Amino acid sequence: MNLIWRQNAACQGLDPEIFYPATDDESDAAKRVCCQCAVQETCLEHALGSRERDGVWGGATEKERRRIIRQRRRSA
């Protein structure tokens, strides 16, 4: 799996705790980082493809990623 894109991630060097909030309501700090990230879309697609269960990936929480997957299934 090619993860070279991570080298360009805005989260590089930040405390990972930011991206693993206790609740979705506490995900704003992570989402602010993600919205400025050059690889946000790639990160989100990685999380969707590997079914990441925890954390904020590509600006989306676990619940939001599940919703994206369901929407894509309906559209296919």
C-alpha atoms as a PDB file:
ATOM      1  CA  MET A   1       0.000   0.000   0.000  1.00  0.00           C
ATOM      2  CA  ASN A   2       1.447   3.342  -1.050  1.00  0.00           C
ATOM      3  CA  LEU A   3       1.219   5.819   1.817  1.00  0.00           C
ATOM      4  CA  ILE A   4       3.721   8.367   0.487  1.00  0.00           C
ATOM      5  CA  TRP A   5       0.948  10.967   0.487  1.00  0.00           C
ATOM      6  CA  ARG A   6       1.226  11.092   4.284  1.00  0.00           C
ATOM      7  CA  GLN A   7       4.478  13.031   3.930  1.00  0.00           C
ATOM      8  CA  ASN A   8       2.434  16.008   2.688  1.00  0.00           C
ATOM      9  CA  ALA A   9      -0.278  15.788   5.334  1.00  0.00           C
ATOM     10  CA  ALA A  10      -1.075  18.864   7.421  1.00  0.00           C
ATOM     11  CA  CYS A  11      -1.298  16.640  10.494  1.00  0.00           C
ATOM     12  CA  GLN A  12       2.369  15.654  10.190  1.00  0.00           C
ATOM     13  CA  GLY A  13       3.982  16.165  13.587  1.00  0.00           C
ATOM     14  CA  LEU A  14       0.777  17.108  15.413  1.00  0.00           C
ATOM     15  CA  ASP A  15      -0.462  15.308  18.494  1.00  0.00           C
ATOM     16  CA  PRO A  16      -2.475  12.318  17.213  1.00  0.00           C
ATOM     17  CA  GLU A  17      -4.929  12.728  20.109  1.00  0.00           C
ATOM     18  CA  ILE A  18      -6.503  15.607  18.150  1.00  0.00           C
ATOM     19  CA  PHE A  19      -7.641  13.119  15.510  1.00  0.00           C
ATOM     20  CA  TYR A  20      -9.156  10.640  17.953  1.00  0.00           C
ATOM     21  CA  PRO A  21     -11.773  12.674  19.838  1.00  0.00           C
ATOM     22  CA  ALA A  22     -13.988  11.006  22.423  1.00  0.00           C
ATOM     23  CA  THR A  23     -17.134  12.081  20.536  1.00  0.00           C
ATOM     24  CA  ASP A  24     -17.960  13.401  17.074  1.00  0.00           C
ATOM     25  CA  ASP A  25     -18.885  16.713  18.696  1.00  0.00           C
ATOM     26  CA  GLU A  26     -15.238  17.122  19.731  1.00  0.00           C
ATOM     27  CA  SER A  27     -13.876  16.666  16.196  1.00  0.00           C
ATOM     28  CA  ASP A  28     -13.717  20.361  15.238  1.00  0.00           C
ATOM     29  CA  ALA A  29      -9.984  20.765  15.954  1.00  0.00           C
ATOM     30  CA  ALA A  30      -9.121  17.839  13.694  1.00  0.00           C
ATOM     31  CA  LYS A  31     -11.462  19.037  10.960  1.00  0.00           C
ATOM     32  CA  ARG A  32      -9.823  22.482  10.992  1.00  0.00           C
ATOM     33  CA  VAL A  33      -6.465  20.839  10.290  1.00  0.00           C
ATOM     34  CA  CYS A  34      -7.953  18.618   7.595  1.00  0.00           C
ATOM     35  CA  CYS A  35      -9.664  21.454   5.738  1.00  0.00           C
ATOM     36  CA  GLN A  36      -6.244  23.056   5.142  1.00  0.00           C
ATOM     37  CA  CYS A  37      -4.576  19.822   4.071  1.00  0.00           C
ATOM     38  CA  ALA A  38      -3.241  19.261   0.554  1.00  0.00           C
ATOM     39  CA  VAL A  39      -3.932  15.520   0.764  1.00  0.00           C
ATOM     40  CA  GLN A  40      -7.350  15.630   2.425  1.00  0.00           C
ATOM     41  CA  GLU A  41      -9.124  13.782  -0.390  1.00  0.00           C
ATOM     42  CA  THR A  42      -6.432  11.093  -0.599  1.00  0.00           C
ATOM     43  CA  CYS A  43      -6.574  10.627   3.174  1.00  0.00           C
ATOM     44  CA  LEU A  44     -10.354  10.278   3.104  1.00  0.00           C
ATOM     45  CA  GLU A  45     -10.211   7.757   0.261  1.00  0.00           C
ATOM     46  CA  HIS A  46      -7.585   5.766   2.163  1.00  0.00           C
ATOM     47  CA  ALA A  47      -9.834   5.669   5.240  1.00  0.00           C
ATOM     48  CA  LEU A  48     -12.860   4.646   3.182  1.00  0.00           C
ATOM     49  CA  GLY A  49     -10.936   1.959   1.332  1.00  0.00           C
ATOM     50  CA  SER A  50      -9.343   0.460   4.412  1.00  0.00           C
ATOM     51  CA  ARG A  51     -12.484   0.873   6.520  1.00  0.00           C
ATOM     52  CA  GLU A  52     -10.752   2.884   9.233  1.00  0.00           C
ATOM     53  CA  ARG A  53     -13.020   2.634  12.243  1.00  0.00           C
ATOM     54  CA  ASP A  54     -11.616   5.277  14.543  1.00  0.00           C
ATOM     55  CA  GLY A  55     -10.607   8.872  14.305  1.00  0.00           C
ATOM     56  CA  VAL A  56     -10.956  11.723  11.874  1.00  0.00           C
ATOM     57  CA  TRP A  57      -9.541  10.959   8.427  1.00  0.00           C
ATOM     58  CA  GLY A  58      -9.742  13.376   5.533  1.00  0.00           C
ATOM     59  CA  GLY A  59     -11.970  15.636   7.573  1.00  0.00           C
ATOM     60  CA  ALA A  60     -14.589  12.949   8.240  1.00  0.00           C
ATOM     61  CA  THR A  61     -15.494  11.170  11.448  1.00  0.00           C
ATOM     62  CA  GLU A  62     -16.295   7.451  11.567  1.00  0.00           C
ATOM     63  CA  LYS A  63     -20.011   8.206  11.389  1.00  0.00           C
ATOM     64  CA  GLU A  64     -19.538  10.525   8.395  1.00  0.00           C
ATOM     65  CA  ARG A  65     -17.405   7.936   6.596  1.00  0.00           C
ATOM     66  CA  ARG A  66     -20.073   5.284   7.071  1.00  0.00           C
ATOM     67  CA  ARG A  67     -22.598   7.696   5.567  1.00  0.00           C
ATOM     68  CA  ILE A  68     -20.335   8.296   2.548  1.00  0.00           C
ATOM     69  CA  ILE A  69     -19.960   4.551   2.003  1.00  0.00           C
ATOM     70  CA  ARG A  70     -23.734   4.041   2.158  1.00  0.00           C
ATOM     71  CA  GLN A  71     -24.324   6.888  -0.303  1.00  0.00           C
ATOM     72  CA  ARG A  72     -21.772   5.485  -2.716  1.00  0.00           C
ATOM     73  CA  ARG A  73     -23.386   2.048  -2.559  1.00  0.00           C
ATOM     74  CA  ARG A  74     -26.789   3.535  -3.373  1.00  0.00           C
ATOM     75  CA  SER A  75     -25.350   5.493  -6.304  1.00  0.00           C
ATOM     76  CA  ALA A  76     -23.577   2.485  -7.809  1.00  0.00           C
END
